[in-house]
N, C-alpha and C. Protein backbone atom coordinates (compact mmCIF):
# COMPACT_ATOMS: atom_id res chain seq x y z
N MET A 1 116.53 68.26 142.89
CA MET A 1 117.86 68.24 143.85
C MET A 1 117.56 69.78 144.90
N ILE A 2 117.79 70.95 143.96
CA ILE A 2 117.61 72.17 144.70
C ILE A 2 116.35 72.67 145.38
N ARG A 3 115.39 71.99 145.03
CA ARG A 3 113.81 71.61 145.74
C ARG A 3 114.05 71.29 147.09
N HIS A 4 114.73 70.00 147.07
CA HIS A 4 114.84 69.01 148.38
C HIS A 4 115.93 70.14 149.34
N LEU A 5 116.86 70.68 148.73
CA LEU A 5 117.92 71.65 149.55
C LEU A 5 117.15 72.88 150.24
N PHE A 6 116.27 73.23 149.63
CA PHE A 6 115.47 74.42 150.06
C PHE A 6 114.61 74.03 151.10
N LYS A 7 113.91 72.75 150.83
CA LYS A 7 112.87 72.11 151.82
C LYS A 7 113.52 71.72 153.19
N LEU A 8 115.10 71.29 153.35
CA LEU A 8 115.83 70.83 154.20
C LEU A 8 116.32 72.30 154.89
N VAL A 9 116.64 73.56 154.28
CA VAL A 9 116.66 74.63 155.07
C VAL A 9 115.75 75.17 155.50
N TRP A 10 114.44 75.17 154.84
CA TRP A 10 113.19 75.81 155.64
C TRP A 10 112.94 74.99 156.93
N ASN A 11 112.93 73.56 156.87
CA ASN A 11 112.78 72.94 158.01
C ASN A 11 113.26 73.06 159.25
N ARG A 12 114.93 73.64 158.80
CA ARG A 12 115.62 73.63 159.96
C ARG A 12 115.98 75.53 159.69
N LYS A 13 115.06 76.41 159.72
CA LYS A 13 115.33 77.48 159.65
C LYS A 13 115.99 78.48 160.82
N ARG A 14 115.68 77.99 161.98
CA ARG A 14 116.25 78.55 163.37
C ARG A 14 118.00 77.96 163.61
N THR A 15 118.25 77.12 162.84
CA THR A 15 119.38 76.64 163.06
C THR A 15 120.38 77.31 161.66
N ASN A 16 119.60 77.51 160.86
CA ASN A 16 120.25 77.92 159.35
C ASN A 16 120.33 79.49 159.18
N GLY A 17 119.43 79.88 160.21
CA GLY A 17 119.25 81.64 159.93
C GLY A 17 120.29 82.43 159.96
N LEU A 18 121.28 82.19 160.99
CA LEU A 18 122.65 83.00 160.99
C LEU A 18 123.30 82.79 159.66
N ILE A 19 123.43 81.57 158.99
CA ILE A 19 124.16 81.44 157.95
C ILE A 19 123.46 81.82 156.65
N ILE A 20 122.13 82.06 156.49
CA ILE A 20 121.62 82.54 155.90
C ILE A 20 121.84 84.22 155.68
N LEU A 21 121.68 84.61 156.85
CA LEU A 21 121.58 86.19 157.12
C LEU A 21 123.51 86.64 156.64
N GLU A 22 124.32 85.51 157.18
CA GLU A 22 125.53 85.66 156.86
C GLU A 22 125.99 85.86 155.01
N ILE A 23 125.21 85.01 154.76
CA ILE A 23 125.39 84.56 153.43
C ILE A 23 124.79 86.14 152.52
N PHE A 24 123.81 86.60 153.13
CA PHE A 24 123.09 87.91 152.90
C PHE A 24 124.02 88.92 152.76
N PHE A 25 124.43 89.49 153.79
CA PHE A 25 125.42 90.31 154.33
C PHE A 25 126.68 90.17 153.11
N SER A 26 127.19 88.80 153.16
CA SER A 26 128.52 88.76 152.52
C SER A 26 127.98 88.79 150.93
N PHE A 27 126.82 88.72 150.36
CA PHE A 27 126.44 89.44 149.10
C PHE A 27 126.33 90.89 148.94
N LEU A 28 125.97 91.45 150.01
CA LEU A 28 125.90 92.79 149.93
C LEU A 28 127.34 93.69 149.83
N VAL A 29 128.30 92.59 150.90
CA VAL A 29 129.52 93.46 150.59
C VAL A 29 130.13 93.48 149.23
N VAL A 30 129.89 91.94 148.53
CA VAL A 30 130.42 92.10 147.07
C VAL A 30 129.71 92.66 146.23
N PHE A 31 128.62 92.95 146.31
CA PHE A 31 127.64 93.79 145.46
C PHE A 31 128.44 95.34 145.48
N VAL A 32 128.47 95.61 146.93
CA VAL A 32 128.91 96.96 147.10
C VAL A 32 130.45 97.43 146.54
N VAL A 33 131.44 96.23 146.68
CA VAL A 33 132.75 96.41 146.46
C VAL A 33 132.77 96.19 144.61
N GLY A 34 131.99 95.48 144.14
CA GLY A 34 132.12 95.40 142.52
C GLY A 34 131.55 96.59 142.04
N THR A 35 130.52 97.34 142.73
CA THR A 35 129.87 98.56 142.07
C THR A 35 130.99 99.72 142.29
N LEU A 36 131.52 99.66 143.23
CA LEU A 36 132.59 100.59 143.79
C LEU A 36 133.74 100.55 142.64
N GLY A 37 134.13 99.38 142.37
CA GLY A 37 135.36 98.76 141.43
C GLY A 37 134.75 99.50 140.18
N ILE A 38 133.72 99.24 139.68
CA ILE A 38 133.30 99.50 138.12
C ILE A 38 133.29 100.69 138.42
N PHE A 39 132.82 101.76 139.09
CA PHE A 39 132.56 102.93 139.27
C PHE A 39 133.80 103.52 139.03
N LEU A 40 134.88 103.13 139.90
CA LEU A 40 136.41 103.68 139.95
C LEU A 40 137.26 103.36 138.48
N TRP A 41 136.72 102.24 137.84
CA TRP A 41 137.45 101.58 136.79
C TRP A 41 137.17 102.71 135.68
N ASP A 42 135.42 103.12 135.47
CA ASP A 42 135.00 103.84 134.70
C ASP A 42 135.56 105.69 134.86
N ASN A 43 135.61 105.91 136.03
CA ASN A 43 136.44 107.17 136.32
C ASN A 43 137.96 107.20 135.54
N TYR A 44 138.44 105.91 136.05
CA TYR A 44 140.15 106.23 135.56
C TYR A 44 139.81 106.12 133.95
N ARG A 45 139.05 105.56 133.44
CA ARG A 45 138.97 105.25 132.12
C ARG A 45 138.71 106.72 131.03
N GLN A 46 137.93 107.69 132.03
CA GLN A 46 137.64 109.21 131.60
C GLN A 46 138.83 109.79 131.05
N PRO A 47 138.64 110.70 129.87
CA PRO A 47 139.82 111.36 129.84
C PRO A 47 140.05 112.71 130.53
N LEU A 48 141.24 112.82 130.68
CA LEU A 48 141.39 114.33 131.66
C LEU A 48 141.04 115.45 131.64
N GLY A 49 140.91 115.58 129.89
CA GLY A 49 140.52 117.09 129.46
C GLY A 49 141.69 117.88 129.08
N TYR A 50 143.24 117.65 129.37
CA TYR A 50 144.28 118.10 128.80
C TYR A 50 144.79 117.15 128.65
N SER A 51 146.19 117.43 127.74
CA SER A 51 147.22 116.50 127.46
C SER A 51 148.16 116.67 127.99
N TRP A 52 148.94 115.55 128.75
CA TRP A 52 150.30 115.84 129.71
C TRP A 52 151.43 115.25 128.80
N GLN A 53 151.18 114.87 127.49
CA GLN A 53 152.44 114.21 126.78
C GLN A 53 153.14 115.56 126.40
N ASN A 54 154.37 115.39 126.24
CA ASN A 54 155.40 116.43 125.55
C ASN A 54 154.90 117.81 126.20
N VAL A 55 154.72 117.66 127.56
CA VAL A 55 154.57 119.13 128.18
C VAL A 55 155.60 119.26 129.32
N TRP A 56 156.15 120.05 129.29
CA TRP A 56 157.15 120.08 130.45
C TRP A 56 156.95 121.24 131.45
N GLN A 57 157.25 120.89 132.89
CA GLN A 57 156.90 121.78 134.00
C GLN A 57 158.17 122.53 134.46
N ILE A 58 158.24 123.84 134.22
CA ILE A 58 159.31 124.25 135.01
C ILE A 58 159.17 125.32 135.94
N SER A 59 159.52 125.06 137.30
CA SER A 59 159.37 125.99 138.29
C SER A 59 160.40 127.14 138.41
N VAL A 60 159.78 128.10 138.82
CA VAL A 60 160.50 129.76 138.43
C VAL A 60 160.27 130.27 139.96
N GLU A 61 161.44 130.49 140.98
CA GLU A 61 161.07 131.25 141.89
C GLU A 61 161.29 132.69 141.70
N SER A 62 160.34 133.67 142.29
CA SER A 62 160.77 134.93 141.76
C SER A 62 161.28 135.63 142.77
N GLY A 63 161.65 135.39 143.89
CA GLY A 63 162.31 135.75 144.68
C GLY A 63 161.83 136.72 145.57
N ARG A 64 160.25 136.79 145.74
CA ARG A 64 159.55 137.82 146.49
C ARG A 64 159.69 137.39 147.81
N SER A 65 160.12 138.66 148.49
CA SER A 65 160.05 138.53 150.01
C SER A 65 158.86 139.30 150.61
N ASP A 66 158.96 139.20 151.80
CA ASP A 66 158.07 139.72 152.65
C ASP A 66 157.59 141.07 152.79
N GLN A 67 158.45 141.71 152.13
CA GLN A 67 158.17 143.14 152.06
C GLN A 67 157.28 143.80 151.35
N GLN A 68 156.78 144.89 151.57
CA GLN A 68 155.75 145.24 150.61
C GLN A 68 156.78 146.09 149.14
N GLU A 69 155.85 145.52 147.80
CA GLU A 69 156.68 145.59 146.54
C GLU A 69 155.99 147.24 146.31
N ASN A 70 157.04 147.92 145.52
CA ASN A 70 156.14 149.27 145.00
C ASN A 70 155.91 148.90 143.51
N ASP A 71 155.08 149.79 142.91
CA ASP A 71 154.80 149.12 141.58
C ASP A 71 155.90 149.30 140.48
N ALA A 72 156.99 149.59 140.71
CA ALA A 72 158.16 149.85 139.80
C ALA A 72 158.73 148.46 140.04
N MET A 73 158.62 147.75 140.88
CA MET A 73 159.33 146.49 141.37
C MET A 73 158.50 145.35 140.69
N VAL A 74 156.96 145.83 140.77
CA VAL A 74 156.00 144.49 140.08
C VAL A 74 156.25 144.65 138.68
N ILE A 75 156.51 145.95 138.46
CA ILE A 75 156.48 145.89 136.54
C ILE A 75 157.91 145.45 136.15
N ALA A 76 158.68 145.52 136.85
CA ALA A 76 160.14 144.88 136.51
C ALA A 76 159.83 143.43 136.42
N ARG A 77 159.63 143.11 137.65
CA ARG A 77 159.38 141.68 137.64
C ARG A 77 158.36 141.14 136.54
N MET A 78 157.37 141.82 135.97
CA MET A 78 156.63 141.55 134.95
C MET A 78 157.13 141.16 133.50
N LYS A 79 157.94 142.36 133.25
CA LYS A 79 158.73 142.39 132.08
C LYS A 79 159.79 141.42 132.15
N THR A 80 160.32 141.01 133.09
CA THR A 80 161.09 139.62 133.32
C THR A 80 160.40 138.74 133.07
N PHE A 81 159.10 138.51 133.57
CA PHE A 81 158.53 137.28 133.36
C PHE A 81 158.15 137.06 131.82
N GLU A 82 157.93 138.31 131.33
CA GLU A 82 157.40 138.01 129.86
C GLU A 82 158.41 137.74 128.94
N ARG A 83 159.53 138.60 128.95
CA ARG A 83 160.89 138.23 128.57
C ARG A 83 161.64 136.85 128.59
N LEU A 84 161.10 136.13 129.68
CA LEU A 84 161.38 134.66 129.89
C LEU A 84 160.48 133.92 129.18
N ILE A 85 159.23 134.43 128.98
CA ILE A 85 158.13 133.49 128.01
C ILE A 85 158.56 133.53 126.69
N ARG A 86 158.93 134.68 126.43
CA ARG A 86 159.40 134.84 124.70
C ARG A 86 160.92 134.01 124.70
N GLU A 87 161.72 134.15 125.42
CA GLU A 87 162.88 133.08 125.40
C GLU A 87 162.70 131.91 125.20
N ILE A 88 161.99 131.45 126.28
CA ILE A 88 161.36 129.90 125.98
C ILE A 88 160.66 129.32 124.87
N GLU A 89 160.00 130.48 124.32
CA GLU A 89 159.10 130.08 123.03
C GLU A 89 160.12 130.13 121.67
N ALA A 90 161.07 130.73 122.15
CA ALA A 90 162.36 131.31 120.85
C ALA A 90 163.15 129.88 120.49
N LEU A 91 163.13 129.00 121.77
CA LEU A 91 164.20 127.82 121.36
C LEU A 91 163.49 126.86 120.66
N GLU A 92 164.28 126.28 119.62
CA GLU A 92 163.65 125.66 118.40
C GLU A 92 162.59 124.49 118.99
N PRO A 93 162.87 123.62 119.89
CA PRO A 93 161.70 122.28 120.06
C PRO A 93 160.80 122.69 120.59
N VAL A 94 160.39 124.24 121.09
CA VAL A 94 159.23 124.40 121.94
C VAL A 94 157.92 124.86 121.04
N ASP A 95 157.05 124.15 120.75
CA ASP A 95 156.06 124.43 119.83
C ASP A 95 155.28 126.13 120.77
N SER A 96 154.98 125.78 122.25
CA SER A 96 154.51 127.16 122.52
C SER A 96 154.67 127.21 124.19
N ALA A 97 154.53 128.05 124.90
CA ALA A 97 154.83 128.23 126.02
C ALA A 97 154.03 128.97 127.05
N ALA A 98 153.34 128.45 128.16
CA ALA A 98 152.76 129.53 128.75
C ALA A 98 153.27 128.99 130.35
N ALA A 99 152.52 130.09 131.18
CA ALA A 99 152.49 130.10 132.51
C ALA A 99 151.39 129.81 133.60
N ALA A 100 151.22 129.10 134.52
CA ALA A 100 150.26 128.92 135.40
C ALA A 100 150.99 128.96 136.75
N MET A 101 150.03 129.85 137.75
CA MET A 101 150.48 129.81 138.93
C MET A 101 150.38 128.13 139.97
N ILE A 102 149.38 127.41 139.48
CA ILE A 102 149.53 126.21 139.98
C ILE A 102 149.25 125.49 138.97
N SER A 103 150.00 124.29 138.35
CA SER A 103 150.03 123.31 137.55
C SER A 103 148.85 122.33 137.72
N PRO A 104 148.19 121.61 137.09
CA PRO A 104 147.09 120.34 137.28
C PRO A 104 147.71 119.32 137.87
N TYR A 105 146.89 119.34 139.10
CA TYR A 105 147.07 118.13 139.94
C TYR A 105 148.47 118.38 140.99
N ASP A 106 148.66 119.52 141.24
CA ASP A 106 150.03 120.19 141.51
C ASP A 106 149.54 119.78 142.87
N ARG A 107 150.26 119.75 144.21
CA ARG A 107 149.84 119.94 145.68
C ARG A 107 150.16 121.29 145.87
N GLY A 108 148.89 121.80 146.51
CA GLY A 108 148.82 123.14 146.76
C GLY A 108 147.99 124.00 146.21
N GLY A 109 147.78 124.93 146.43
CA GLY A 109 146.29 125.91 145.67
C GLY A 109 146.14 127.23 145.87
N TRP A 110 145.30 127.99 145.61
CA TRP A 110 145.38 129.51 146.22
C TRP A 110 143.92 129.43 146.51
N THR A 111 143.33 129.77 147.96
CA THR A 111 141.81 129.39 148.37
C THR A 111 141.69 130.69 149.07
N SER A 112 140.74 131.17 149.12
CA SER A 112 140.12 132.51 149.67
C SER A 112 138.59 132.42 149.94
N ASN A 113 138.17 133.26 151.14
CA ASN A 113 136.92 133.46 151.16
C ASN A 113 136.16 134.62 151.29
N VAL A 114 134.97 135.03 150.70
CA VAL A 114 134.43 136.39 150.99
C VAL A 114 132.98 136.01 151.61
N ASN A 115 132.57 136.75 152.02
CA ASN A 115 130.99 136.85 152.62
C ASN A 115 130.18 137.75 151.45
N VAL A 116 129.35 136.83 150.96
CA VAL A 116 128.54 137.48 150.03
C VAL A 116 126.79 137.35 150.65
N GLY A 117 126.32 138.42 151.06
CA GLY A 117 125.06 138.32 151.43
C GLY A 117 124.88 137.59 152.67
N GLY A 118 125.84 138.13 153.59
CA GLY A 118 125.92 137.19 154.43
C GLY A 118 125.96 135.89 154.93
N ARG A 119 126.41 135.23 153.61
CA ARG A 119 127.26 133.85 153.61
C ARG A 119 128.58 133.70 153.27
N ARG A 120 129.23 132.77 153.80
CA ARG A 120 130.60 132.58 153.48
C ARG A 120 130.74 131.71 152.28
N VAL A 121 131.53 132.18 151.31
CA VAL A 121 131.70 131.49 149.94
C VAL A 121 133.34 131.37 149.92
N GLU A 122 133.49 129.93 149.91
CA GLU A 122 134.90 129.70 149.79
C GLU A 122 134.97 129.33 148.35
N MET A 123 136.37 129.51 147.97
CA MET A 123 136.70 129.46 146.32
C MET A 123 138.44 129.06 146.40
N GLU A 124 138.28 128.50 145.15
CA GLU A 124 139.75 128.18 144.88
C GLU A 124 139.94 128.51 143.48
N ALA A 125 141.20 128.99 143.30
CA ALA A 125 141.53 129.89 141.93
C ALA A 125 142.81 129.54 141.59
N SER A 126 143.31 129.68 140.22
CA SER A 126 144.56 129.92 139.77
C SER A 126 144.76 130.93 138.71
N ALA A 127 146.25 131.16 138.35
CA ALA A 127 146.30 132.09 137.39
C ALA A 127 147.03 131.51 136.22
N ALA A 128 146.71 131.93 135.01
CA ALA A 128 147.41 131.53 133.91
C ALA A 128 147.60 132.18 132.90
N THR A 129 148.60 132.22 131.66
CA THR A 129 148.61 133.20 130.48
C THR A 129 147.72 132.61 129.59
N THR A 130 147.43 133.59 128.35
CA THR A 130 146.12 133.27 127.78
C THR A 130 146.50 132.04 126.66
N HIS A 131 148.31 131.62 126.83
CA HIS A 131 148.26 130.41 125.71
C HIS A 131 148.25 129.11 126.60
N PHE A 132 147.92 129.05 127.63
CA PHE A 132 147.99 128.12 128.78
C PHE A 132 146.75 126.83 128.17
N ALA A 133 145.99 126.85 127.37
CA ALA A 133 144.86 126.00 127.01
C ALA A 133 145.55 125.21 125.90
N GLU A 134 146.16 126.03 124.68
CA GLU A 134 146.91 125.74 123.90
C GLU A 134 147.58 124.83 124.16
N VAL A 135 148.86 125.11 125.26
CA VAL A 135 149.71 124.56 125.70
C VAL A 135 149.40 122.91 126.28
N MET A 136 148.25 122.78 127.03
CA MET A 136 147.91 121.75 127.49
C MET A 136 146.82 121.05 126.58
N GLY A 137 146.73 121.49 125.42
CA GLY A 137 145.69 120.74 124.67
C GLY A 137 144.30 121.12 124.94
N MET A 138 143.95 121.58 125.82
CA MET A 138 142.33 121.54 126.15
C MET A 138 141.85 122.44 125.33
N GLU A 139 140.35 121.65 125.24
CA GLU A 139 139.41 121.78 124.51
C GLU A 139 138.09 122.55 124.94
N MET A 140 137.87 123.92 124.55
CA MET A 140 136.69 124.50 125.19
C MET A 140 135.19 124.00 124.75
N ALA A 141 134.60 123.13 125.86
CA ALA A 141 133.36 122.82 125.53
C ALA A 141 132.25 123.93 125.04
N ALA A 142 132.34 124.99 125.34
CA ALA A 142 131.41 126.06 125.46
C ALA A 142 132.08 127.47 126.23
N GLY A 143 131.81 128.67 125.53
CA GLY A 143 132.40 129.92 126.07
C GLY A 143 133.70 130.35 125.41
N ARG A 144 134.27 131.05 126.27
CA ARG A 144 135.62 131.42 125.78
C ARG A 144 136.63 131.56 126.82
N TRP A 145 138.00 131.40 126.30
CA TRP A 145 139.01 131.35 127.55
C TRP A 145 139.23 132.73 127.89
N PHE A 146 139.64 132.93 129.10
CA PHE A 146 139.71 134.19 129.72
C PHE A 146 140.85 135.14 129.32
């Protein structure tokens, strides 16, 4: 039966050419969409690399103005910040506390660029305290924490 259908299609190839072409491109579209879907599903199932359960994000405004700060002001702000972290860690339900300039997957960032050897190098960066990896449940694959 299938052989007979192929024979009919082959004998009328001019009239069926566009239909065969349409079926071919439909197959390509379905294949690409299916492959993309499997790829995205696999990425969705990959671990994040950190733990977001039982982690709270608290935003603190530093009150910094556009004026130039002197060293005494910077040192006073750092001491206040260190005391804030110690007070948070002293709370009974808190296991550990850390600070980060930009939390993971937050909108925003710290970008900069520098010229190295005549080439422009763009970079993104963030700052965090030493206990940030512990708070976020991050495990180092190699190397050391900064």
